[in-house]
Amino acid sequence: MNADAEATKSRRHLTHIQLIAGGIGGTAGVVATCPLDVVQTRLQSTTVKIRRTHSSFASVGLVNGGVNVNVGSRPFDGGIFSYMRFIVKTEGLGALYKGLAPNLVGVAPSRAIYFTIYTKTKNFLGMLGPLSTSSPLVHMLSAITASFSTSTLTNPIWFIKTRLQLDFRATGIRKKVETLVKDVYKRDGISGFYRGLTASYAGASETVLYFVAYERAKEILANVRNSSTDDLNWYDHIIGAGVSKFFATASVYPHEVARTRMRQQLDGQDLYTGFFQTLKKVYREEGRSGLYGGMGAHLLRQVPNTVIMFVTYEAIVKCLSNF
């Protein structure tokens, strides 16, 4: 077998490894952090507000279909985990895993698609000319390409996940996915499943920041260790992934709130119809705090989710590359 054939075989082998590693890594992160995903989605929407009362306790007000729902009350300390206990009490333990099914259906292909497109784009740009694959510009362009492609292909899955997580009925009588799909299609057609897509496109900026920061963090850690990025330890990947994700998420968080609001529906009405319209409406009615609703839960979920995903990804790639 000649050198070109060997190179082609090697690239195909690497693509298969990235597909497998990306899928498994994404699935591991989702399963581990699903309860925080439910809390995050609800706090980003208008359906749940944790507020301080005059007695220094916090209470939770639920809104479903635009009407306040009496779900009982109890003192809260305002914490995320306190609200998780409230969900278990009022909706059952399974409620912490609402939306897990579409998450599992979507995360493996979406992560696999993302990592594959990112790597292929990075290698392609590196072969074009003056920029190497380690260039921040190449990392940025690769992340944008992968983000836009993945968001477009998988948005319907995340739309369904969000709607399920905003259903407050006990898990035994929750709306089934089939019914939800039929209702949305009957009302809005195919376009209904792409609500929030523009916010996802805007969210590509977070992904760009993350990947540029992550690649840079690996280079810095490699220099500290006097080694190459391929020889970094698992805890180096944890440090790099965690710090990079925190920085990227905190920088551009409001797009997360906009995306959730655009996907929710109140009293049969879509109050949030566009990305910038949503940002303006939230800021006008709720102030700056509204644009950062659920950020604590989001960070608690995203940072460990990303760490688990990337550590798993790197470990599988390194393991399978030896075969």
Protein backbone atom coordinates (compact mmCIF):
# COMPACT_ATOMS: atom_id res chain seq x y z
CA MET A 1 0.00 0.00 0.00
CA ASN A 2 1.43 3.38 -1.03
CA ALA A 3 1.85 6.42 1.20
CA ASP A 4 -1.30 8.21 -0.09
CA ALA A 5 -3.47 5.17 0.56
CA GLU A 6 -2.02 4.82 4.05
CA ALA A 7 -2.71 8.49 4.75
CA THR A 8 -6.31 8.16 3.52
CA LYS A 9 -6.86 5.09 5.67
CA SER A 10 -5.39 6.89 8.67
CA ARG A 11 -7.72 9.89 8.20
CA ARG A 12 -10.77 7.63 7.94
CA HIS A 13 -9.70 5.78 11.07
CA LEU A 14 -9.32 9.10 12.91
CA THR A 15 -12.79 10.23 11.75
CA HIS A 16 -14.38 7.05 13.11
CA ILE A 17 -12.57 7.49 16.40
CA GLN A 18 -13.79 11.08 16.69
CA LEU A 19 -17.38 10.04 15.94
CA ILE A 20 -17.29 7.38 18.65
CA ALA A 21 -15.46 9.53 21.21
CA GLY A 22 -17.65 12.57 20.62
CA GLY A 23 -20.84 10.55 20.97
CA ILE A 24 -19.81 8.72 24.14
CA GLY A 25 -18.34 11.86 25.71
CA GLY A 26 -21.48 13.90 25.07
CA THR A 27 -23.76 11.16 26.40
CA ALA A 28 -21.75 10.80 29.62
CA GLY A 29 -21.95 14.54 30.28
CA VAL A 30 -25.70 14.74 29.65
CA VAL A 31 -26.66 11.84 31.91
CA ALA A 32 -24.53 13.14 34.77
CA THR A 33 -25.93 16.69 34.69
CA CYS A 34 -29.56 16.27 33.51
CA PRO A 35 -31.19 17.48 36.78
CA LEU A 36 -29.26 20.74 36.57
CA ASP A 37 -30.32 21.06 32.94
CA VAL A 38 -33.99 20.97 33.99
CA VAL A 39 -33.44 23.63 36.67
CA GLN A 40 -31.41 25.79 34.29
CA THR A 41 -34.10 25.71 31.58
CA ARG A 42 -36.87 26.65 33.99
CA LEU A 43 -34.93 29.53 35.52
CA GLN A 44 -34.11 30.85 32.05
CA SER A 45 -37.80 30.88 31.16
CA THR A 46 -40.66 32.89 32.66
CA THR A 47 -42.15 29.79 34.26
CA VAL A 48 -40.08 29.77 37.46
CA LYS A 49 -38.74 32.58 39.58
CA ILE A 50 -36.82 32.10 42.78
CA ARG A 51 -37.19 35.32 44.74
CA ARG A 52 -36.21 36.60 48.17
CA THR A 53 -39.04 37.40 50.54
CA HIS A 54 -39.10 39.86 53.43
CA SER A 55 -38.34 36.99 55.79
CA SER A 56 -35.06 36.32 54.00
CA PHE A 57 -36.41 33.02 52.69
CA ALA A 58 -36.96 32.39 49.03
CA SER A 59 -40.15 31.18 47.44
CA VAL A 60 -40.82 29.68 44.06
CA GLY A 61 -43.59 31.00 41.85
CA LEU A 62 -44.63 28.83 38.94
CA VAL A 63 -46.36 30.08 35.83
CA ASN A 64 -47.82 27.63 33.35
CA GLY A 65 -49.80 28.76 30.33
CA GLY A 66 -49.50 32.35 31.51
CA VAL A 67 -51.45 31.65 34.74
CA ASN A 68 -50.05 31.33 38.23
CA VAL A 69 -50.34 27.73 39.36
CA ASN A 70 -50.88 26.90 43.02
CA VAL A 71 -48.39 24.12 43.61
CA GLY A 72 -48.01 24.60 47.32
CA SER A 73 -45.27 26.53 49.07
CA ARG A 74 -42.53 26.14 51.64
CA PRO A 75 -39.52 28.18 52.74
CA PHE A 76 -36.56 28.05 50.38
CA ASP A 77 -33.02 29.15 50.98
CA GLY A 78 -32.84 30.42 47.41
CA GLY A 79 -30.45 27.70 46.34
CA ILE A 80 -30.53 25.63 43.17
CA PHE A 81 -30.49 22.34 45.04
CA SER A 82 -33.36 23.52 47.23
CA TYR A 83 -35.41 23.98 44.09
CA MET A 84 -34.38 20.51 42.89
CA ARG A 85 -35.85 19.09 46.11
CA PHE A 86 -39.01 21.09 45.43
CA ILE A 87 -39.30 19.53 41.97
CA VAL A 88 -39.00 16.03 43.46
CA LYS A 89 -41.65 16.84 46.07
CA THR A 90 -44.21 18.31 43.65
CA GLU A 91 -43.55 16.36 40.45
CA GLY A 92 -41.69 13.24 41.45
CA LEU A 93 -38.09 12.13 41.13
CA GLY A 94 -38.48 11.47 37.41
CA ALA A 95 -39.12 15.17 36.82
CA LEU A 96 -35.41 15.84 37.28
CA TYR A 97 -34.89 13.86 34.09
CA LYS A 98 -37.53 15.47 31.92
CA GLY A 99 -36.15 15.96 28.45
CA LEU A 100 -33.50 13.27 28.97
CA ALA A 101 -34.85 11.11 26.12
CA PRO A 102 -34.43 13.78 23.40
CA ASN A 103 -31.15 14.73 25.06
CA LEU A 104 -29.85 11.19 24.67
CA VAL A 105 -31.24 10.97 21.15
CA GLY A 106 -29.56 14.22 20.17
CA VAL A 107 -26.36 14.48 22.15
CA ALA A 108 -24.46 11.56 20.62
CA PRO A 109 -25.02 12.57 16.97
CA SER A 110 -24.66 16.29 17.70
CA ARG A 111 -21.37 15.89 19.56
CA ALA A 112 -20.13 13.41 17.00
CA ILE A 113 -21.05 15.77 14.16
CA TYR A 114 -19.51 18.72 15.99
CA PHE A 115 -16.16 17.11 16.77
CA THR A 116 -15.89 15.62 13.30
CA ILE A 117 -16.65 18.88 11.48
CA TYR A 118 -14.41 20.85 13.84
CA THR A 119 -11.46 18.54 13.30
CA LYS A 120 -11.94 18.22 9.54
CA THR A 121 -12.29 21.99 9.14
CA LYS A 122 -9.21 22.61 11.29
CA ASN A 123 -7.14 20.17 9.24
CA PHE A 124 -8.47 21.55 5.94
CA LEU A 125 -7.65 25.14 6.87
CA GLY A 126 -4.25 24.07 8.11
CA MET A 127 -3.45 22.56 4.70
CA LEU A 128 -4.52 25.65 2.76
CA GLY A 129 -1.53 27.80 3.46
CA PRO A 130 -0.07 30.27 5.91
CA LEU A 131 -1.99 29.27 9.02
CA SER A 132 -1.21 26.12 10.98
CA THR A 133 -3.75 23.95 12.77
CA SER A 134 -2.59 25.47 16.07
CA SER A 135 -3.54 29.00 14.99
CA PRO A 136 -6.31 30.67 17.07
CA LEU A 137 -7.91 31.91 13.83
CA VAL A 138 -8.14 28.35 12.53
CA HIS A 139 -9.67 27.24 15.84
CA MET A 140 -12.20 30.07 15.65
CA LEU A 141 -13.26 29.38 12.05
CA SER A 142 -13.49 25.66 12.74
CA ALA A 143 -15.66 26.24 15.81
CA ILE A 144 -18.01 28.56 13.90
CA THR A 145 -18.41 26.06 11.06
CA ALA A 146 -19.07 23.18 13.45
CA SER A 147 -21.50 25.21 15.60
CA PHE A 148 -23.62 26.46 12.71
CA SER A 149 -23.77 23.02 11.10
CA THR A 150 -24.67 21.19 14.29
CA SER A 151 -27.27 23.76 15.41
CA THR A 152 -29.06 23.63 12.08
CA LEU A 153 -29.22 19.85 12.01
CA THR A 154 -30.26 19.24 15.63
CA ASN A 155 -32.41 22.25 16.64
CA PRO A 156 -35.73 20.30 16.54
CA ILE A 157 -34.40 17.87 19.15
CA TRP A 158 -33.42 20.63 21.58
CA PHE A 159 -36.72 22.43 20.97
CA ILE A 160 -38.63 19.31 22.07
CA LYS A 161 -36.31 18.89 25.07
CA THR A 162 -37.01 22.46 26.24
CA ARG A 163 -40.78 22.08 25.90
CA LEU A 164 -40.73 18.86 27.92
CA GLN A 165 -38.66 20.46 30.68
CA LEU A 166 -41.15 23.32 30.94
CA ASP A 167 -44.06 20.91 31.53
CA PHE A 168 -44.87 21.02 35.25
CA ARG A 169 -47.24 18.11 35.43
CA ALA A 170 -46.26 15.04 37.44
CA THR A 171 -44.07 12.74 35.43
CA GLY A 172 -46.75 10.04 35.27
CA ILE A 173 -49.09 12.21 33.19
CA ARG A 174 -46.63 14.38 31.31
CA LYS A 175 -47.19 15.17 27.68
CA LYS A 176 -45.70 12.56 25.42
CA VAL A 177 -43.25 13.50 22.73
CA GLU A 178 -45.63 12.29 20.02
CA THR A 179 -48.39 14.63 21.20
CA LEU A 180 -46.01 17.56 21.46
CA VAL A 181 -44.68 17.00 17.95
CA LYS A 182 -48.21 16.81 16.52
CA ASP A 183 -49.33 19.98 18.33
CA VAL A 184 -46.33 22.01 17.19
CA TYR A 185 -46.55 20.79 13.60
CA LYS A 186 -50.29 21.48 13.43
CA ARG A 187 -49.83 25.01 14.75
CA ASP A 188 -46.58 26.16 13.14
CA GLY A 189 -45.50 23.52 10.65
CA ILE A 190 -41.86 22.49 10.28
CA SER A 191 -40.67 26.01 11.12
CA GLY A 192 -42.05 25.61 14.64
CA PHE A 193 -39.29 23.15 15.46
CA TYR A 194 -36.65 25.73 14.57
CA ARG A 195 -37.66 28.30 17.15
CA GLY A 196 -34.55 29.54 18.95
CA LEU A 197 -32.24 28.70 16.06
CA THR A 198 -31.07 32.30 15.64
CA ALA A 199 -30.15 32.35 19.33
CA SER A 200 -28.20 29.13 18.79
CA TYR A 201 -26.34 30.80 15.94
CA ALA A 202 -25.54 33.69 18.26
CA GLY A 203 -24.38 31.10 20.76
CA ALA A 204 -21.66 30.11 18.33
CA SER A 205 -19.71 32.99 19.83
CA GLU A 206 -19.57 31.06 23.12
CA THR A 207 -18.31 27.99 21.34
CA VAL A 208 -15.69 30.03 19.52
CA LEU A 209 -14.48 31.56 22.77
CA TYR A 210 -14.44 28.15 24.41
CA PHE A 211 -12.46 26.32 21.76
CA VAL A 212 -9.95 29.11 21.32
CA ALA A 213 -9.50 29.27 25.11
CA TYR A 214 -9.34 25.47 25.42
CA GLU A 215 -6.72 25.05 22.72
CA ARG A 216 -4.70 27.90 24.26
CA ALA A 217 -5.06 26.38 27.73
CA LYS A 218 -3.69 23.07 26.46
CA GLU A 219 -0.71 24.83 24.92
CA ILE A 220 0.01 26.68 28.17
CA LEU A 221 -0.27 23.48 30.21
CA ALA A 222 1.95 21.65 27.73
CA ASN A 223 4.59 24.35 28.08
CA VAL A 224 4.38 24.12 31.86
CA ARG A 225 4.79 20.34 31.64
CA ASN A 226 7.51 20.60 28.96
CA SER A 227 5.52 18.19 26.82
CA SER A 228 3.22 18.18 23.79
CA THR A 229 -0.55 18.67 23.99
CA ASP A 230 -0.98 14.96 23.10
CA ASP A 231 0.84 13.96 26.29
CA LEU A 232 -1.25 15.97 28.77
CA ASN A 233 -2.71 14.14 31.76
CA TRP A 234 -6.44 13.75 32.41
CA TYR A 235 -6.36 16.42 35.12
CA ASP A 236 -4.74 18.85 32.68
CA HIS A 237 -7.75 18.39 30.41
CA ILE A 238 -10.07 18.94 33.38
CA ILE A 239 -8.36 22.23 34.25
CA GLY A 240 -8.27 23.43 30.66
CA ALA A 241 -11.86 22.45 29.88
CA GLY A 242 -13.30 23.82 33.15
CA VAL A 243 -11.58 27.21 33.08
CA SER A 244 -12.26 27.69 29.38
CA LYS A 245 -15.95 26.83 29.67
CA PHE A 246 -16.48 29.13 32.65
CA PHE A 247 -14.88 32.03 30.79
CA ALA A 248 -16.83 31.44 27.57
CA THR A 249 -20.21 30.93 29.26
CA ALA A 250 -19.98 33.97 31.50
CA SER A 251 -18.97 36.14 28.55
CA VAL A 252 -22.03 35.62 26.33
CA TYR A 253 -24.69 34.05 28.58
CA PRO A 254 -27.81 36.10 27.57
CA HIS A 255 -28.19 34.12 24.34
CA GLU A 256 -29.08 31.09 26.48
CA VAL A 257 -32.00 32.95 28.05
CA ALA A 258 -33.14 34.22 24.64
CA ARG A 259 -33.13 30.72 23.18
CA THR A 260 -35.22 29.25 26.00
CA ARG A 261 -37.72 32.12 25.90
CA MET A 262 -38.12 31.77 22.13
CA ARG A 263 -38.95 28.08 22.55
CA GLN A 264 -41.48 28.44 25.33
CA GLN A 265 -45.16 29.16 24.85
CA LEU A 266 -47.48 30.94 27.27
CA ASP A 267 -51.27 30.66 27.04
CA GLY A 268 -50.95 29.55 23.43
CA GLN A 269 -49.00 32.66 22.51
CA ASP A 270 -45.43 33.12 21.36
CA LEU A 271 -44.37 36.25 23.24
CA TYR A 272 -40.76 35.98 22.15
CA THR A 273 -40.48 35.90 18.38
CA GLY A 274 -36.94 36.99 17.51
CA PHE A 275 -33.50 37.01 19.04
CA PHE A 276 -33.04 40.75 19.46
CA GLN A 277 -36.74 41.26 20.21
CA THR A 278 -36.39 38.75 23.04
CA LEU A 279 -33.28 40.38 24.49
CA LYS A 280 -34.94 43.81 24.43
CA LYS A 281 -38.19 42.52 25.95
CA VAL A 282 -36.42 40.66 28.76
CA TYR A 283 -34.19 43.63 29.56
CA ARG A 284 -37.12 46.08 29.48
CA GLU A 285 -39.38 43.96 31.71
CA GLU A 286 -36.87 42.26 34.02
CA GLY A 287 -33.67 44.26 33.83
CA ARG A 288 -30.16 42.91 33.60
CA SER A 289 -30.89 40.12 36.08
CA GLY A 290 -33.44 38.69 33.66
CA LEU A 291 -30.78 38.28 31.00
CA TYR A 292 -28.72 36.19 33.43
CA GLY A 293 -31.55 34.07 34.85
CA GLY A 294 -30.45 30.53 35.64
CA MET A 295 -26.78 31.30 35.08
CA GLY A 296 -25.78 29.68 38.36
CA ALA A 297 -27.49 26.42 37.42
CA HIS A 298 -26.10 26.71 33.91
CA LEU A 299 -22.52 27.01 35.14
CA LEU A 300 -22.99 24.23 37.68
CA ARG A 301 -24.18 22.05 34.82
CA GLN A 302 -22.06 23.20 31.89
CA VAL A 303 -18.65 23.22 33.52
CA PRO A 304 -18.78 19.63 34.84
CA ASN A 305 -20.69 18.55 31.71
CA THR A 306 -17.95 19.94 29.50
CA VAL A 307 -15.19 18.51 31.68
CA ILE A 308 -16.78 15.05 31.63
CA MET A 309 -17.38 15.25 27.88
CA PHE A 310 -13.88 16.38 26.96
CA VAL A 311 -12.03 14.11 29.37
CA THR A 312 -14.05 11.17 28.06
CA TYR A 313 -13.45 12.31 24.48
CA GLU A 314 -9.70 12.72 24.92
CA ALA A 315 -9.40 9.40 26.76
CA ILE A 316 -11.28 7.45 24.08
CA VAL A 317 -9.38 9.11 21.23
CA LYS A 318 -6.06 8.30 22.89
CA CYS A 319 -7.14 4.73 23.64
CA LEU A 320 -8.59 3.92 20.21
CA SER A 321 -5.70 5.60 18.37
CA ASN A 322 -3.45 2.80 19.60
CA PHE A 323 -5.46 0.20 17.66
